[in-house]
Every structure is written in C-alpha cells, then in structure tokens.
Amino acid sequence: MSSRIDSFEKLGNPTRQVEQDVLWSDPFDGLGERPNKKRGGVGVEFGVDITKLVCNQLGVSKIIRSHDPRKASNGPSYAHENKIVTVNSTSLYGGSPFVLSIDPCRPAKLEVIRLK
C-alpha cells in the first residue's frame, strides 16, 4: 500500500509500481512513506497517515493484507488504529493459516476461520 493507491481503477489495472506497493509494502509506527529496506527497497513502509489517506480515498474502513505470516501466525495482527489487518494465509514459517469472514451487515466484525 502507498499513497499512489488513490482509486480502485488503479488496483484493477495497476502499474508495476502500484503492483509492488500492494504486494510488498508494510505498515510501520510513524508517519509518511519510506523505501521498504526489509524487502530490498521494493514497496514502501507506510505510516498511519498514509493508511488514513488511502482508506479515505478508497472509501473503506479497513485494509486487509496477507503477506507477513510472522506477524499473524496465531491470528490477525492489527496496526494503525485497527485499520490495517494482517492475516496469515500459509502454513509456512510455522504459522496457522486462516481467512477472515466479513458479515456485510456488520463489516466491523471479523470472524477468523482457521484452515487445516
């Protein structure tokens, strides 16, 4: 995720940069954006201000991501005032994979479903 993601249209037909931002960016405790050195400079690390900006631009209350199993090996990991939810979708790295079920009538309630 990055400030370059300002519409669903960009997600539907992403540039290489937007694609990398979606796949390889990580939240950090701070403000702004900086190159994601943990991933060789691909994607960015983004602060709570960028999370709020992107949520506002997309008209969503949360962003669910799933590429950091070490953060979410035993259940969802929350960041940036619970607007970023990280899930683990693989059994690699010793974690327990799971998905989230979202009730359209109560989107704030996320149900964790563990996979075997």
C-alpha atoms as a PDB file:
ATOM      1  CA  MET A   1       0.000   0.000   0.000  1.00  0.00           C
ATOM      2  CA  SER A   2       1.170   3.522  -0.684  1.00  0.00           C
ATOM      3  CA  SER A   3      -0.142   6.995  -1.365  1.00  0.00           C
ATOM      4  CA  ARG A   4      -0.082   6.069  -5.082  1.00  0.00           C
ATOM      5  CA  ILE A   5      -3.178   3.928  -4.465  1.00  0.00           C
ATOM      6  CA  ASP A   6      -5.906   6.526  -4.731  1.00  0.00           C
ATOM      7  CA  SER A   7      -8.624   4.676  -6.673  1.00  0.00           C
ATOM      8  CA  PHE A   8      -9.972   1.195  -7.317  1.00  0.00           C
ATOM      9  CA  GLU A   9      -9.242   1.762 -11.012  1.00  0.00           C
ATOM     10  CA  LYS A  10      -5.514   1.789 -10.239  1.00  0.00           C
ATOM     11  CA  LEU A  11      -5.917  -1.540  -8.463  1.00  0.00           C
ATOM     12  CA  GLY A  12      -7.839  -3.054 -11.383  1.00  0.00           C
ATOM     13  CA  ASN A  13      -5.144  -2.183 -13.907  1.00  0.00           C
ATOM     14  CA  PRO A  14      -2.038  -1.479 -11.807  1.00  0.00           C
ATOM     15  CA  THR A  15       1.256  -0.087 -12.965  1.00  0.00           C
ATOM     16  CA  ARG A  16       4.301  -2.100 -11.927  1.00  0.00           C
ATOM     17  CA  GLN A  17       4.944   0.395  -9.107  1.00  0.00           C
ATOM     18  CA  VAL A  18       1.394   0.116  -7.719  1.00  0.00           C
ATOM     19  CA  GLU A  19       1.583  -3.681  -8.006  1.00  0.00           C
ATOM     20  CA  GLN A  20       4.812  -3.712  -5.998  1.00  0.00           C
ATOM     21  CA  ASP A  21       3.331  -1.324  -3.437  1.00  0.00           C
ATOM     22  CA  VAL A  22       0.326  -3.628  -2.924  1.00  0.00           C
ATOM     23  CA  LEU A  23       2.425  -6.799  -2.675  1.00  0.00           C
ATOM     24  CA  TRP A  24       5.488  -5.668  -0.735  1.00  0.00           C
ATOM     25  CA  SER A  25       4.601  -2.696   1.468  1.00  0.00           C
ATOM     26  CA  ASP A  26       4.409  -2.895   5.257  1.00  0.00           C
ATOM     27  CA  PRO A  27       2.986  -0.652   7.983  1.00  0.00           C
ATOM     28  CA  PHE A  28       5.368   0.987  10.446  1.00  0.00           C
ATOM     29  CA  ASP A  29       4.854   3.015  13.612  1.00  0.00           C
ATOM     30  CA  GLY A  30       5.327   6.524  12.320  1.00  0.00           C
ATOM     31  CA  LEU A  31       4.229   8.918   9.622  1.00  0.00           C
ATOM     32  CA  GLY A  32       4.836   9.131   5.896  1.00  0.00           C
ATOM     33  CA  GLU A  33       6.380   6.674   3.480  1.00  0.00           C
ATOM     34  CA  ARG A  34       9.894   5.380   3.049  1.00  0.00           C
ATOM     35  CA  PRO A  35      11.518   2.708   0.890  1.00  0.00           C
ATOM     36  CA  ASN A  36      10.975  -0.766   2.327  1.00  0.00           C
ATOM     37  CA  LYS A  37      14.581  -1.726   3.047  1.00  0.00           C
ATOM     38  CA  LYS A  38      13.446  -5.005   4.651  1.00  0.00           C
ATOM     39  CA  ARG A  39      12.297  -6.064   1.187  1.00  0.00           C
ATOM     40  CA  GLY A  40      15.259  -4.755  -0.782  1.00  0.00           C
ATOM     41  CA  GLY A  41      13.666  -1.369  -1.477  1.00  0.00           C
ATOM     42  CA  VAL A  42      10.612  -2.881  -3.175  1.00  0.00           C
ATOM     43  CA  GLY A  43       7.360  -1.369  -1.921  1.00  0.00           C
ATOM     44  CA  VAL A  44       7.299   1.092   0.950  1.00  0.00           C
ATOM     45  CA  GLU A  45       6.871   1.212   4.676  1.00  0.00           C
ATOM     46  CA  PHE A  46       3.860   3.410   5.373  1.00  0.00           C
ATOM     47  CA  GLY A  47       2.650   5.267   8.431  1.00  0.00           C
ATOM     48  CA  VAL A  48      -0.780   5.747   9.933  1.00  0.00           C
ATOM     49  CA  ASP A  49      -1.285   8.965   7.946  1.00  0.00           C
ATOM     50  CA  ILE A  50      -0.912   7.042   4.668  1.00  0.00           C
ATOM     51  CA  THR A  51      -3.312   4.362   5.922  1.00  0.00           C
ATOM     52  CA  LYS A  52      -5.934   7.013   6.713  1.00  0.00           C
ATOM     53  CA  LEU A  53      -5.356   8.749   3.357  1.00  0.00           C
ATOM     54  CA  VAL A  54      -5.745   5.554   1.305  1.00  0.00           C
ATOM     55  CA  CYS A  55      -8.791   4.375   3.294  1.00  0.00           C
ATOM     56  CA  ASN A  56     -10.398   7.781   2.736  1.00  0.00           C
ATOM     57  CA  GLN A  57      -9.574   7.834  -0.994  1.00  0.00           C
ATOM     58  CA  LEU A  58     -10.960   4.314  -1.483  1.00  0.00           C
ATOM     59  CA  GLY A  59     -13.954   4.822   0.809  1.00  0.00           C
ATOM     60  CA  VAL A  60     -13.089   1.829   3.023  1.00  0.00           C
ATOM     61  CA  SER A  61     -12.673   1.465   6.775  1.00  0.00           C
ATOM     62  CA  LYS A  62     -10.005  -1.271   6.777  1.00  0.00           C
ATOM     63  CA  ILE A  63      -7.326  -2.755   4.567  1.00  0.00           C
ATOM     64  CA  ILE A  64      -6.762  -6.492   4.860  1.00  0.00           C
ATOM     65  CA  ARG A  65      -3.365  -7.796   3.792  1.00  0.00           C
ATOM     66  CA  SER A  66      -1.751 -11.214   3.929  1.00  0.00           C
ATOM     67  CA  HIS A  67       1.908 -11.412   3.162  1.00  0.00           C
ATOM     68  CA  ASP A  68       3.598 -11.290   6.545  1.00  0.00           C
ATOM     69  CA  PRO A  69       2.910 -14.619   8.313  1.00  0.00           C
ATOM     70  CA  ARG A  70       5.386 -13.895  11.112  1.00  0.00           C
ATOM     71  CA  LYS A  71       3.169 -11.020  12.262  1.00  0.00           C
ATOM     72  CA  ALA A  72      -0.048 -13.020  12.117  1.00  0.00           C
ATOM     73  CA  SER A  73       0.937 -16.625  12.797  1.00  0.00           C
ATOM     74  CA  ASN A  74      -1.693 -17.163  15.508  1.00  0.00           C
ATOM     75  CA  GLY A  75      -4.429 -14.769  14.439  1.00  0.00           C
ATOM     76  CA  PRO A  76      -4.923 -11.361  12.857  1.00  0.00           C
ATOM     77  CA  SER A  77      -2.419  -8.621  13.583  1.00  0.00           C
ATOM     78  CA  TYR A  78      -3.784  -5.079  13.776  1.00  0.00           C
ATOM     79  CA  ALA A  79      -1.979  -1.801  13.092  1.00  0.00           C
ATOM     80  CA  HIS A  80      -2.775   1.852  12.543  1.00  0.00           C
ATOM     81  CA  GLU A  81      -5.809   2.182  14.792  1.00  0.00           C
ATOM     82  CA  ASN A  82      -7.077  -1.249  13.620  1.00  0.00           C
ATOM     83  CA  LYS A  83      -7.367  -0.009  10.028  1.00  0.00           C
ATOM     84  CA  ILE A  84      -4.658  -2.441   8.832  1.00  0.00           C
ATOM     85  CA  VAL A  85      -5.418  -6.124   9.411  1.00  0.00           C
ATOM     86  CA  THR A  86      -2.704  -8.654   8.556  1.00  0.00           C
ATOM     87  CA  VAL A  87      -3.684 -12.299   8.098  1.00  0.00           C
ATOM     88  CA  ASN A  88      -1.611 -15.446   7.595  1.00  0.00           C
ATOM     89  CA  SER A  89      -2.716 -17.479   4.585  1.00  0.00           C
ATOM     90  CA  THR A  90       0.064 -20.086   4.608  1.00  0.00           C
ATOM     91  CA  SER A  91       1.318 -22.857   6.876  1.00  0.00           C
ATOM     92  CA  LEU A  92       4.898 -21.932   6.010  1.00  0.00           C
ATOM     93  CA  TYR A  93       7.001 -20.226   8.704  1.00  0.00           C
ATOM     94  CA  GLY A  94       5.322 -22.398  11.367  1.00  0.00           C
ATOM     95  CA  GLY A  95       2.099 -20.433  11.462  1.00  0.00           C
ATOM     96  CA  SER A  96      -1.526 -21.473  11.340  1.00  0.00           C
ATOM     97  CA  PRO A  97      -3.263 -20.236   8.172  1.00  0.00           C
ATOM     98  CA  PHE A  98      -6.668 -18.604   8.404  1.00  0.00           C
ATOM     99  CA  VAL A  99      -9.110 -16.456   6.489  1.00  0.00           C
ATOM    100  CA  LEU A 100     -11.483 -13.751   7.649  1.00  0.00           C
ATOM    101  CA  SER A 101     -15.230 -13.900   7.190  1.00  0.00           C
ATOM    102  CA  ILE A 102     -16.888 -10.497   6.965  1.00  0.00           C
ATOM    103  CA  ASP A 103     -20.623 -10.105   7.510  1.00  0.00           C
ATOM    104  CA  PRO A 104     -21.849  -7.428   5.047  1.00  0.00           C
ATOM    105  CA  CYS A 105     -24.433  -6.322   7.631  1.00  0.00           C
ATOM    106  CA  ARG A 106     -21.733  -5.931  10.293  1.00  0.00           C
ATOM    107  CA  PRO A 107     -18.464  -5.236   8.438  1.00  0.00           C
ATOM    108  CA  ALA A 108     -16.644  -4.166  11.606  1.00  0.00           C
ATOM    109  CA  LYS A 109     -16.972  -7.732  12.951  1.00  0.00           C
ATOM    110  CA  LEU A 110     -14.307 -10.037  11.525  1.00  0.00           C
ATOM    111  CA  GLU A 111     -14.621 -13.790  12.125  1.00  0.00           C
ATOM    112  CA  VAL A 112     -11.404 -15.817  11.998  1.00  0.00           C
ATOM    113  CA  ILE A 113     -11.712 -19.193  10.246  1.00  0.00           C
ATOM    114  CA  ARG A 114      -8.688 -21.440  10.743  1.00  0.00           C
ATOM    115  CA  LEU A 115      -7.573 -23.600   7.824  1.00  0.00           C
ATOM    116  CA  LYS A 116      -6.068 -27.060   8.177  1.00  0.00           C
END
